[in-house]
Amino acid sequence: MGYGSIGQAVEARLTPFGAKFLRVARNQRVGVAGANQLDDLLGQADIVVLTAPLTSETKGLMDAKRIEKMKAWSPAGECGSRPACGTRERFCRPCREKEFARPSTLRNPESLPADHPLWKAPNLLLTPHVGGDSEKFMARAFQLIREQVQRFVKGEPLLNIVAGEY
């Protein structure tokens, strides 16, 4: 869910492994289903990856009803903002009530307090959310900063500007 630059990058990295994709975005287009089709597609997916930005539309997107539509063993991961997976109760309830294993990086809040119920969910495997760190991160960050400053000084439009909710 979320087929912008991050969703496309996930697909590019997994395609060499033979992965097939059910692409979902806010608006339907050729080769990409609309968000209104998400409920019908969740049961078809072996893995669910959320890369949608956090907006009023995506906050709480993966609630208990949607999690229950997923295959029993299907892992879920989130590359975007954690609040898209909803509250802890929305995520914990299906993990406690169903007989399934659910690997996941989905959690809200992050970092989980020691007494958080997700730690005790019997059918849940939590993984760390560490996708942003790489050897080249600092070099890329400084390159972007340098380019932004140069653009600003020249009066050119800045890159990666986010206004409103997309």
Protein backbone atom coordinates (compact mmCIF):
# COMPACT_ATOMS: atom_id res chain seq x y z
CA MET A 1 0.00 0.00 0.00
CA GLY A 2 1.57 3.22 -1.19
CA TYR A 3 3.11 3.12 -4.64
CA GLY A 4 5.18 6.27 -4.70
CA SER A 5 8.96 6.43 -4.74
CA ILE A 6 9.40 4.17 -1.67
CA GLY A 7 6.90 1.56 -2.90
CA GLN A 8 8.60 1.53 -6.29
CA ALA A 9 12.02 1.17 -4.63
CA VAL A 10 10.74 -1.80 -2.58
CA GLU A 11 9.47 -3.42 -5.78
CA ALA A 12 12.77 -2.80 -7.60
CA ARG A 13 14.71 -4.49 -4.81
CA LEU A 14 12.40 -7.52 -4.53
CA THR A 15 11.73 -8.18 -8.23
CA PRO A 16 15.06 -10.00 -8.78
CA PHE A 17 13.90 -12.54 -6.17
CA GLY A 18 10.81 -13.38 -8.22
CA ALA A 19 8.33 -11.40 -6.14
CA LYS A 20 5.02 -10.44 -7.75
CA PHE A 21 3.20 -7.29 -6.65
CA LEU A 22 -0.33 -6.12 -5.96
CA ARG A 23 0.28 -2.38 -6.14
CA VAL A 24 -2.12 -0.15 -4.23
CA ALA A 25 -2.09 3.66 -4.04
CA ARG A 26 -4.51 6.39 -3.05
CA ASN A 27 -5.64 6.77 -6.69
CA GLN A 28 -6.11 3.95 -9.17
CA ARG A 29 -4.05 4.09 -12.36
CA VAL A 30 -2.77 1.62 -14.95
CA GLY A 31 -1.15 -1.27 -13.05
CA VAL A 32 -1.99 0.18 -9.63
CA ALA A 33 -5.21 -0.50 -7.71
CA GLY A 34 -6.90 2.29 -5.79
CA ALA A 35 -7.02 2.37 -1.99
CA ASN A 36 -10.72 1.56 -2.22
CA GLN A 37 -9.69 -1.95 -3.37
CA LEU A 38 -7.35 -2.61 -0.42
CA ASP A 39 -9.84 -4.76 1.51
CA ASP A 40 -10.29 -7.09 -1.47
CA LEU A 41 -6.55 -7.40 -2.10
CA LEU A 42 -5.28 -8.04 1.45
CA GLY A 43 -6.32 -11.70 1.40
CA GLN A 44 -4.39 -12.28 -1.83
CA ALA A 45 -1.07 -10.92 -0.56
CA ASP A 46 1.62 -13.14 0.95
CA ILE A 47 3.36 -10.07 2.42
CA VAL A 48 1.91 -6.63 3.12
CA VAL A 49 4.21 -3.60 3.05
CA LEU A 50 2.91 -0.14 3.92
CA THR A 51 4.83 2.72 2.34
CA ALA A 52 2.06 5.32 2.32
CA PRO A 53 2.76 8.68 3.97
CA LEU A 54 0.93 9.54 7.18
CA THR A 55 -2.13 11.60 6.32
CA SER A 56 -5.65 11.83 7.71
CA GLU A 57 -6.55 9.15 5.13
CA THR A 58 -3.81 6.70 6.15
CA LYS A 59 -3.81 7.17 9.94
CA GLY A 60 -5.05 3.87 11.39
CA LEU A 61 -5.16 2.32 7.91
CA MET A 62 -4.27 -1.19 9.12
CA ASP A 63 -6.94 -1.74 11.73
CA ALA A 64 -8.03 -5.10 13.19
CA LYS A 65 -10.56 -5.73 10.40
CA ARG A 66 -7.88 -5.31 7.75
CA ILE A 67 -5.32 -7.38 9.63
CA GLU A 68 -7.89 -10.18 9.89
CA LYS A 69 -8.32 -10.13 6.09
CA MET A 70 -4.65 -11.01 5.63
CA LYS A 71 -3.47 -14.59 5.24
CA ALA A 72 -2.86 -16.17 8.64
CA TRP A 73 0.92 -16.37 8.23
CA SER A 74 1.38 -13.20 6.18
CA PRO A 75 3.97 -10.79 7.57
CA ALA A 76 3.35 -7.05 7.60
CA GLY A 77 5.93 -4.30 7.51
CA GLU A 78 5.75 -0.55 7.40
CA CYS A 79 8.27 1.78 5.77
CA GLY A 80 6.22 4.90 6.35
CA SER A 81 4.83 6.40 9.53
CA ARG A 82 3.96 4.03 12.34
CA PRO A 83 0.55 5.56 13.12
CA ALA A 84 -0.78 4.03 9.89
CA CYS A 85 -1.02 0.71 11.72
CA GLY A 86 -3.43 2.18 14.23
CA THR A 87 -3.45 1.90 17.95
CA ARG A 88 -1.86 -0.87 19.93
CA GLU A 89 -5.26 -2.48 20.63
CA ARG A 90 -6.16 -2.55 16.94
CA PHE A 91 -3.02 -4.51 16.23
CA CYS A 92 -2.82 -6.63 19.39
CA ARG A 93 -6.38 -7.98 19.36
CA PRO A 94 -6.08 -10.04 16.15
CA CYS A 95 -2.67 -11.33 17.27
CA ARG A 96 -4.16 -12.57 20.57
CA GLU A 97 -7.42 -13.95 19.20
CA LYS A 98 -6.32 -15.83 16.09
CA GLU A 99 -4.11 -18.87 15.75
CA PHE A 100 -1.49 -17.43 13.45
CA ALA A 101 2.05 -16.24 13.33
CA ARG A 102 2.50 -12.61 12.37
CA PRO A 103 6.01 -11.27 11.81
CA SER A 104 5.81 -7.50 11.92
CA THR A 105 7.58 -4.17 12.08
CA LEU A 106 4.21 -2.46 12.68
CA ARG A 107 3.89 -0.84 16.06
CA ASN A 108 2.60 2.32 17.60
CA PRO A 109 4.04 3.80 19.69
CA GLU A 110 7.66 3.27 18.76
CA SER A 111 9.77 2.43 20.75
CA LEU A 112 7.56 0.07 22.68
CA PRO A 113 7.55 0.46 26.45
CA ALA A 114 8.64 -2.61 28.42
CA ASP A 115 5.05 -3.26 29.56
CA HIS A 116 3.48 -2.92 26.09
CA PRO A 117 1.05 -5.78 25.22
CA LEU A 118 2.75 -6.49 21.87
CA TRP A 119 5.71 -7.98 23.77
CA LYS A 120 3.39 -10.70 25.11
CA ALA A 121 1.33 -11.38 21.96
CA PRO A 122 1.88 -15.14 21.55
CA ASN A 123 1.65 -15.22 17.77
CA LEU A 124 3.72 -12.15 16.95
CA LEU A 125 7.36 -11.79 15.97
CA LEU A 126 8.55 -8.19 16.27
CA THR A 127 11.48 -6.98 14.22
CA PRO A 128 13.42 -3.72 14.62
CA HIS A 129 12.59 -0.73 12.48
CA VAL A 130 16.03 0.19 11.15
CA GLY A 131 15.50 0.65 7.41
CA GLY A 132 17.02 4.12 7.10
CA ASP A 133 20.61 3.51 8.14
CA SER A 134 23.24 2.75 5.51
CA GLU A 135 26.91 3.44 4.84
CA LYS A 136 25.99 6.09 2.26
CA PHE A 137 23.33 7.89 4.29
CA MET A 138 25.51 10.76 5.56
CA ALA A 139 27.10 11.38 2.14
CA ARG A 140 23.64 11.52 0.53
CA ALA A 141 22.28 13.75 3.30
CA PHE A 142 25.12 16.25 2.93
CA GLN A 143 24.78 16.16 -0.87
CA LEU A 144 21.08 17.04 -0.55
CA ILE A 145 21.80 19.81 1.97
CA ARG A 146 24.48 21.27 -0.33
CA GLU A 147 22.11 21.17 -3.31
CA GLN A 148 19.26 22.71 -1.30
CA VAL A 149 21.46 25.61 -0.14
CA GLN A 150 22.67 26.21 -3.70
CA ARG A 151 19.08 26.19 -4.97
CA PHE A 152 18.01 28.57 -2.20
CA VAL A 153 20.83 31.03 -2.95
CA LYS A 154 20.00 30.97 -6.69
CA GLY A 155 16.27 31.39 -6.00
CA GLU A 156 15.49 27.99 -7.56
CA PRO A 157 12.73 25.68 -6.28
CA LEU A 158 13.84 23.41 -3.43
CA LEU A 159 13.67 19.61 -3.69
CA ASN A 160 11.48 17.25 -1.63
CA ILE A 161 9.03 19.89 -0.45
CA VAL A 162 5.96 18.41 1.23
CA ALA A 163 2.98 20.70 1.69
CA GLY A 164 -0.23 19.61 3.36
CA GLU A 165 -1.19 15.95 3.18
CA TYR A 166 0.13 15.15 -0.31
